[in-house]
């Protein structure tokens, strides 16, 4: 499974709904990783955010950085 995730959300969606959708997508992504996400060592970060007709969030996992 990739160590990066791109989530695209419609700009027409309400803020609370966007937050819920992104949270759900991230949770599913982390649960599907072949190498489990280690809360003590790994860091997930928002690498890029675009907003041209839709919100496009680019997340990445940096392993063992802490």
PDB file of N, CA and C in Angstrom:
ATOM      1  N   UNK A   1       0.851  -1.179   0.000  1.00  0.00           N
ATOM      2  CA  UNK A   1       0.000   0.000   0.000  1.00  0.00           C
ATOM      3  C   UNK A   1       0.896   1.241   0.000  1.00  0.00           C
ATOM      4  N   UNK A   2       0.499   2.240  -0.701  1.00  0.00           N
ATOM      5  CA  UNK A   2       1.287   3.470  -0.831  1.00  0.00           C
ATOM      6  C   UNK A   2       1.382   4.208   0.499  1.00  0.00           C
ATOM      7  N   UNK A   3       2.467   4.927   0.649  1.00  0.00           N
ATOM      8  CA  UNK A   3       2.671   5.733   1.846  1.00  0.00           C
ATOM      9  C   UNK A   3       2.197   7.163   1.619  1.00  0.00           C
ATOM     10  N   UNK A   4       1.331   7.329   0.660  1.00  0.00           N
ATOM     11  CA  UNK A   4       0.745   8.642   0.405  1.00  0.00           C
ATOM     12  C   UNK A   4      -0.711   8.457   0.026  1.00  0.00           C
ATOM     13  N   UNK A   5      -1.496   9.491   0.242  1.00  0.00           N
ATOM     14  CA  UNK A   5      -2.933   9.429  -0.031  1.00  0.00           C
ATOM     15  C   UNK A   5      -3.376  10.789  -0.529  1.00  0.00           C
ATOM     16  N   UNK A   6      -4.166  10.786  -1.595  1.00  0.00           N
ATOM     17  CA  UNK A   6      -4.753  12.014  -2.124  1.00  0.00           C
ATOM     18  C   UNK A   6      -6.254  11.913  -1.922  1.00  0.00           C
ATOM     19  N   UNK A   7      -6.826  12.930  -1.297  1.00  0.00           N
ATOM     20  CA  UNK A   7      -8.263  12.973  -1.041  1.00  0.00           C
ATOM     21  C   UNK A   7      -8.825  14.202  -1.731  1.00  0.00           C
ATOM     22  N   UNK A   8      -9.840  13.993  -2.569  1.00  0.00           N
ATOM     23  CA  UNK A   8     -10.477  15.086  -3.300  1.00  0.00           C
ATOM     24  C   UNK A   8     -11.898  15.259  -2.779  1.00  0.00           C
ATOM     25  N   UNK A   9     -12.229  16.481  -2.389  1.00  0.00           N
ATOM     26  CA  UNK A   9     -13.536  16.800  -1.815  1.00  0.00           C
ATOM     27  C   UNK A   9     -14.131  17.985  -2.566  1.00  0.00           C
ATOM     28  N   UNK A  10     -15.415  17.915  -2.855  1.00  0.00           N
ATOM     29  CA  UNK A  10     -16.111  18.997  -3.546  1.00  0.00           C
ATOM     30  C   UNK A  10     -16.122  20.268  -2.698  1.00  0.00           C
ATOM     31  N   UNK A  11     -15.911  21.404  -3.343  1.00  0.00           N
ATOM     32  CA  UNK A  11     -15.978  22.685  -2.631  1.00  0.00           C
ATOM     33  C   UNK A  11     -17.401  23.027  -2.211  1.00  0.00           C
ATOM     34  N   UNK A  12     -18.386  22.361  -2.812  1.00  0.00           N
ATOM     35  CA  UNK A  12     -19.785  22.609  -2.468  1.00  0.00           C
ATOM     36  C   UNK A  12     -20.184  21.959  -1.151  1.00  0.00           C
ATOM     37  N   UNK A  13     -19.373  21.039  -0.657  1.00  0.00           N
ATOM     38  CA  UNK A  13     -19.681  20.323   0.573  1.00  0.00           C
ATOM     39  C   UNK A  13     -19.461  21.234   1.781  1.00  0.00           C
ATOM     40  N   UNK A  14     -20.334  21.144   2.755  1.00  0.00           N
ATOM     41  CA  UNK A  14     -20.215  21.938   3.984  1.00  0.00           C
ATOM     42  C   UNK A  14     -18.931  21.557   4.730  1.00  0.00           C
ATOM     43  N   UNK A  15     -18.389  22.507   5.474  1.00  0.00           N
ATOM     44  CA  UNK A  15     -17.126  22.295   6.188  1.00  0.00           C
ATOM     45  C   UNK A  15     -17.184  21.073   7.102  1.00  0.00           C
ATOM     46  N   UNK A  16     -18.235  20.942   7.896  1.00  0.00           N
ATOM     47  CA  UNK A  16     -18.351  19.805   8.816  1.00  0.00           C
ATOM     48  C   UNK A  16     -18.352  18.485   8.056  1.00  0.00           C
ATOM     49  N   UNK A  17     -19.014  18.453   6.909  1.00  0.00           N
ATOM     50  CA  UNK A  17     -19.046  17.239   6.092  1.00  0.00           C
ATOM     51  C   UNK A  17     -17.676  16.943   5.494  1.00  0.00           C
ATOM     52  N   UNK A  18     -16.960  17.983   5.055  1.00  0.00           N
ATOM     53  CA  UNK A  18     -15.608  17.789   4.511  1.00  0.00           C
ATOM     54  C   UNK A  18     -14.691  17.194   5.569  1.00  0.00           C
ATOM     55  N   UNK A  19     -14.776  17.723   6.774  1.00  0.00           N
ATOM     56  CA  UNK A  19     -13.944  17.216   7.874  1.00  0.00           C
ATOM     57  C   UNK A  19     -14.257  15.748   8.136  1.00  0.00           C
ATOM     58  N   UNK A  20     -15.531  15.397   8.166  1.00  0.00           N
ATOM     59  CA  UNK A  20     -15.933  14.004   8.408  1.00  0.00           C
ATOM     60  C   UNK A  20     -15.434  13.072   7.315  1.00  0.00           C
ATOM     61  N   UNK A  21     -15.573  13.487   6.062  1.00  0.00           N
ATOM     62  CA  UNK A  21     -15.140  12.653   4.938  1.00  0.00           C
ATOM     63  C   UNK A  21     -13.629  12.445   4.973  1.00  0.00           C
ATOM     64  N   UNK A  22     -12.875  13.515   5.180  1.00  0.00           N
ATOM     65  CA  UNK A  22     -11.411  13.403   5.219  1.00  0.00           C
ATOM     66  C   UNK A  22     -10.978  12.531   6.395  1.00  0.00           C
ATOM     67  N   UNK A  23     -11.590  12.718   7.546  1.00  0.00           N
ATOM     68  CA  UNK A  23     -11.260  11.911   8.715  1.00  0.00           C
ATOM     69  C   UNK A  23     -11.517  10.430   8.448  1.00  0.00           C
ATOM     70  N   UNK A  24     -12.647  10.120   7.857  1.00  0.00           N
ATOM     71  CA  UNK A  24     -13.001   8.735   7.538  1.00  0.00           C
ATOM     72  C   UNK A  24     -12.014   8.139   6.526  1.00  0.00           C
ATOM     73  N   UNK A  25     -11.666   8.906   5.495  1.00  0.00           N
ATOM     74  CA  UNK A  25     -10.715   8.433   4.471  1.00  0.00           C
ATOM     75  C   UNK A  25      -9.345   8.148   5.086  1.00  0.00           C
ATOM     76  N   UNK A  26      -8.880   9.041   5.957  1.00  0.00           N
ATOM     77  CA  UNK A  26      -7.573   8.851   6.596  1.00  0.00           C
ATOM     78  C   UNK A  26      -7.591   7.619   7.491  1.00  0.00           C
ATOM     79  N   UNK A  27      -8.650   7.457   8.268  1.00  0.00           N
ATOM     80  CA  UNK A  27      -8.764   6.295   9.144  1.00  0.00           C
ATOM     81  C   UNK A  27      -8.725   5.003   8.344  1.00  0.00           C
ATOM     82  N   UNK A  28      -9.493   4.935   7.260  1.00  0.00           N
ATOM     83  CA  UNK A  28      -9.507   3.739   6.415  1.00  0.00           C
ATOM     84  C   UNK A  28      -8.135   3.486   5.797  1.00  0.00           C
ATOM     85  N   UNK A  29      -7.480   4.547   5.373  1.00  0.00           N
ATOM     86  CA  UNK A  29      -6.152   4.423   4.774  1.00  0.00           C
ATOM     87  C   UNK A  29      -5.159   3.858   5.784  1.00  0.00           C
ATOM     88  N   UNK A  30      -5.123   4.441   6.979  1.00  0.00           N
ATOM     89  CA  UNK A  30      -4.180   3.976   7.997  1.00  0.00           C
ATOM     90  C   UNK A  30      -4.441   2.528   8.382  1.00  0.00           C
ATOM     91  N   UNK A  31      -5.710   2.132   8.438  1.00  0.00           N
ATOM     92  CA  UNK A  31      -6.050   0.751   8.789  1.00  0.00           C
ATOM     93  C   UNK A  31      -5.682  -0.232   7.678  1.00  0.00           C
ATOM     94  N   UNK A  32      -5.557   0.243   6.443  1.00  0.00           N
ATOM     95  CA  UNK A  32      -5.280  -0.645   5.312  1.00  0.00           C
ATOM     96  C   UNK A  32      -3.790  -0.798   5.003  1.00  0.00           C
ATOM     97  N   UNK A  33      -2.936  -0.075   5.694  1.00  0.00           N
ATOM     98  CA  UNK A  33      -1.501  -0.143   5.417  1.00  0.00           C
ATOM     99  C   UNK A  33      -0.946  -1.530   5.713  1.00  0.00           C
ATOM    100  N   UNK A  34      -0.049  -2.014   4.857  1.00  0.00           N
ATOM    101  CA  UNK A  34       0.597  -3.309   5.093  1.00  0.00           C
ATOM    102  C   UNK A  34       1.467  -3.243   6.343  1.00  0.00           C
ATOM    103  N   UNK A  35       2.246  -2.193   6.460  1.00  0.00           N
ATOM    104  CA  UNK A  35       3.041  -1.958   7.668  1.00  0.00           C
ATOM    105  C   UNK A  35       2.221  -1.020   8.549  1.00  0.00           C
ATOM    106  N   UNK A  36       1.774  -1.491   9.724  1.00  0.00           N
ATOM    107  CA  UNK A  36       0.901  -0.661  10.559  1.00  0.00           C
ATOM    108  C   UNK A  36       1.525   0.693  10.899  1.00  0.00           C
ATOM    109  N   UNK A  37       0.679   1.682  11.025  1.00  0.00           N
ATOM    110  CA  UNK A  37       1.103   3.020  11.413  1.00  0.00           C
ATOM    111  C   UNK A  37       1.457   2.991  12.891  1.00  0.00           C
ATOM    112  N   UNK A  38       2.666   3.410  13.228  1.00  0.00           N
ATOM    113  CA  UNK A  38       3.140   3.420  14.606  1.00  0.00           C
ATOM    114  C   UNK A  38       3.000   4.834  15.156  1.00  0.00           C
ATOM    115  N   UNK A  39       2.067   5.020  16.078  1.00  0.00           N
ATOM    116  CA  UNK A  39       1.782   6.351  16.625  1.00  0.00           C
ATOM    117  C   UNK A  39       2.992   6.959  17.337  1.00  0.00           C
ATOM    118  N   UNK A  40       3.896   6.115  17.844  1.00  0.00           N
ATOM    119  CA  UNK A  40       5.050   6.618  18.582  1.00  0.00           C
ATOM    120  C   UNK A  40       6.209   7.018  17.675  1.00  0.00           C
ATOM    121  N   UNK A  41       6.309   6.417  16.488  1.00  0.00           N
ATOM    122  CA  UNK A  41       7.459   6.663  15.617  1.00  0.00           C
ATOM    123  C   UNK A  41       7.121   7.356  14.303  1.00  0.00           C
ATOM    124  N   UNK A  42       5.958   7.054  13.742  1.00  0.00           N
ATOM    125  CA  UNK A  42       5.595   7.555  12.417  1.00  0.00           C
ATOM    126  C   UNK A  42       4.847   8.886  12.508  1.00  0.00           C
ATOM    127  N   UNK A  43       4.953   9.649  11.436  1.00  0.00           N
ATOM    128  CA  UNK A  43       4.265  10.943  11.359  1.00  0.00           C
ATOM    129  C   UNK A  43       3.482  10.994  10.056  1.00  0.00           C
ATOM    130  N   UNK A  44       2.212  11.356  10.152  1.00  0.00           N
ATOM    131  CA  UNK A  44       1.416  11.609   8.960  1.00  0.00           C
ATOM    132  C   UNK A  44       1.276  13.120   8.847  1.00  0.00           C
ATOM    133  N   UNK A  45       1.496  13.631   7.635  1.00  0.00           N
ATOM    134  CA  UNK A  45       1.417  15.082   7.479  1.00  0.00           C
ATOM    135  C   UNK A  45       0.724  15.444   6.176  1.00  0.00           C
ATOM    136  N   UNK A  46       0.158  16.624   6.169  1.00  0.00           N
ATOM    137  CA  UNK A  46      -0.433  17.182   4.960  1.00  0.00           C
ATOM    138  C   UNK A  46       0.705  17.792   4.159  1.00  0.00           C
ATOM    139  N   UNK A  47       0.998  17.205   3.005  1.00  0.00           N
ATOM    140  CA  UNK A  47       2.123  17.657   2.190  1.00  0.00           C
ATOM    141  C   UNK A  47       1.730  18.782   1.251  1.00  0.00           C
ATOM    142  N   UNK A  48       0.462  18.793   0.839  1.00  0.00           N
ATOM    143  CA  UNK A  48       0.033  19.784  -0.137  1.00  0.00           C
ATOM    144  C   UNK A  48      -1.483  19.889  -0.088  1.00  0.00           C
ATOM    145  N   UNK A  49      -1.992  21.090  -0.334  1.00  0.00           N
ATOM    146  CA  UNK A  49      -3.430  21.315  -0.400  1.00  0.00           C
ATOM    147  C   UNK A  49      -3.712  22.201  -1.603  1.00  0.00           C
ATOM    148  N   UNK A  50      -4.599  21.739  -2.477  1.00  0.00           N
ATOM    149  CA  UNK A  50      -4.963  22.500  -3.662  1.00  0.00           C
ATOM    150  C   UNK A  50      -6.450  22.835  -3.588  1.00  0.00           C
ATOM    151  N   UNK A  51      -6.857  23.857  -4.309  1.00  0.00           N
ATOM    152  CA  UNK A  51      -8.258  24.236  -4.288  1.00  0.00           C
ATOM    153  C   UNK A  51      -8.721  24.853  -5.587  1.00  0.00           C
ATOM    154  N   UNK A  52      -8.781  24.071  -6.638  1.00  0.00           N
ATOM    155  CA  UNK A  52      -9.217  24.575  -7.934  1.00  0.00           C
ATOM    156  C   UNK A  52     -10.459  23.792  -8.357  1.00  0.00           C
ATOM    157  N   UNK A  53     -11.636  24.242  -7.939  1.00  0.00           N
ATOM    158  CA  UNK A  53     -12.874  23.534  -8.235  1.00  0.00           C
ATOM    159  C   UNK A  53     -13.211  22.470  -7.213  1.00  0.00           C
ATOM    160  N   UNK A  54     -12.193  21.989  -6.495  1.00  0.00           N
ATOM    161  CA  UNK A  54     -12.363  21.003  -5.428  1.00  0.00           C
ATOM    162  C   UNK A  54     -11.191  21.164  -4.466  1.00  0.00           C
ATOM    163  N   UNK A  55     -11.370  20.669  -3.258  1.00  0.00           N
ATOM    164  CA  UNK A  55     -10.256  20.645  -2.310  1.00  0.00           C
ATOM    165  C   UNK A  55      -9.514  19.336  -2.528  1.00  0.00           C
ATOM    166  N   UNK A  56      -8.210  19.419  -2.750  1.00  0.00           N
ATOM    167  CA  UNK A  56      -7.389  18.234  -2.974  1.00  0.00           C
ATOM    168  C   UNK A  56      -6.289  18.233  -1.915  1.00  0.00           C
ATOM    169  N   UNK A  57      -6.357  17.232  -1.024  1.00  0.00           N
ATOM    170  CA  UNK A  57      -5.409  17.122   0.075  1.00  0.00           C
ATOM    171  C   UNK A  57      -4.440  15.981  -0.221  1.00  0.00           C
ATOM    172  N   UNK A  58      -3.143  16.241  -0.084  1.00  0.00           N
ATOM    173  CA  UNK A  58      -2.093  15.244  -0.310  1.00  0.00           C
ATOM    174  C   UNK A  58      -1.450  14.931   1.043  1.00  0.00           C
ATOM    175  N   UNK A  59      -1.668  13.724   1.540  1.00  0.00           N
ATOM    176  CA  UNK A  59      -1.095  13.296   2.810  1.00  0.00           C
ATOM    177  C   UNK A  59       0.032  12.304   2.561  1.00  0.00           C
ATOM    178  N   UNK A  60       1.051  12.337   3.404  1.00  0.00           N
ATOM    179  CA  UNK A  60       2.153  11.375   3.332  1.00  0.00           C
ATOM    180  C   UNK A  60       2.489  10.882   4.734  1.00  0.00           C
ATOM    181  N   UNK A  61       3.081   9.703   4.776  1.00  0.00           N
ATOM    182  CA  UNK A  61       3.560   9.142   6.042  1.00  0.00           C
ATOM    183  C   UNK A  61       5.076   9.142   6.010  1.00  0.00           C
ATOM    184  N   UNK A  62       5.672   9.703   7.041  1.00  0.00           N
ATOM    185  CA  UNK A  62       7.119   9.641   7.240  1.00  0.00           C
ATOM    186  C   UNK A  62       7.354   8.612   8.342  1.00  0.00           C
ATOM    187  N   UNK A  63       8.052   7.559   8.001  1.00  0.00           N
ATOM    188  CA  UNK A  63       8.265   6.456   8.945  1.00  0.00           C
ATOM    189  C   UNK A  63       9.444   6.724   9.874  1.00  0.00           C
ATOM    190  N   UNK A  64       9.252   6.390  11.135  1.00  0.00           N
ATOM    191  CA  UNK A  64      10.299   6.405  12.167  1.00  0.00           C
ATOM    192  C   UNK A  64      11.057   7.723  12.229  1.00  0.00           C
ATOM    193  N   UNK A  65      10.335   8.819  12.284  1.00  0.00           N
ATOM    194  CA  UNK A  65      10.999  10.125  12.333  1.00  0.00           C
ATOM    195  C   UNK A  65      11.085  10.696  13.743  1.00  0.00           C
ATOM    196  N   UNK A  66      10.406  10.111  14.668  1.00  0.00           N
ATOM    197  CA  UNK A  66      10.452  10.631  16.048  1.00  0.00           C
ATOM    198  C   UNK A  66      11.508   9.928  16.852  1.00  0.00           C
TER     199      UNK A  66
END
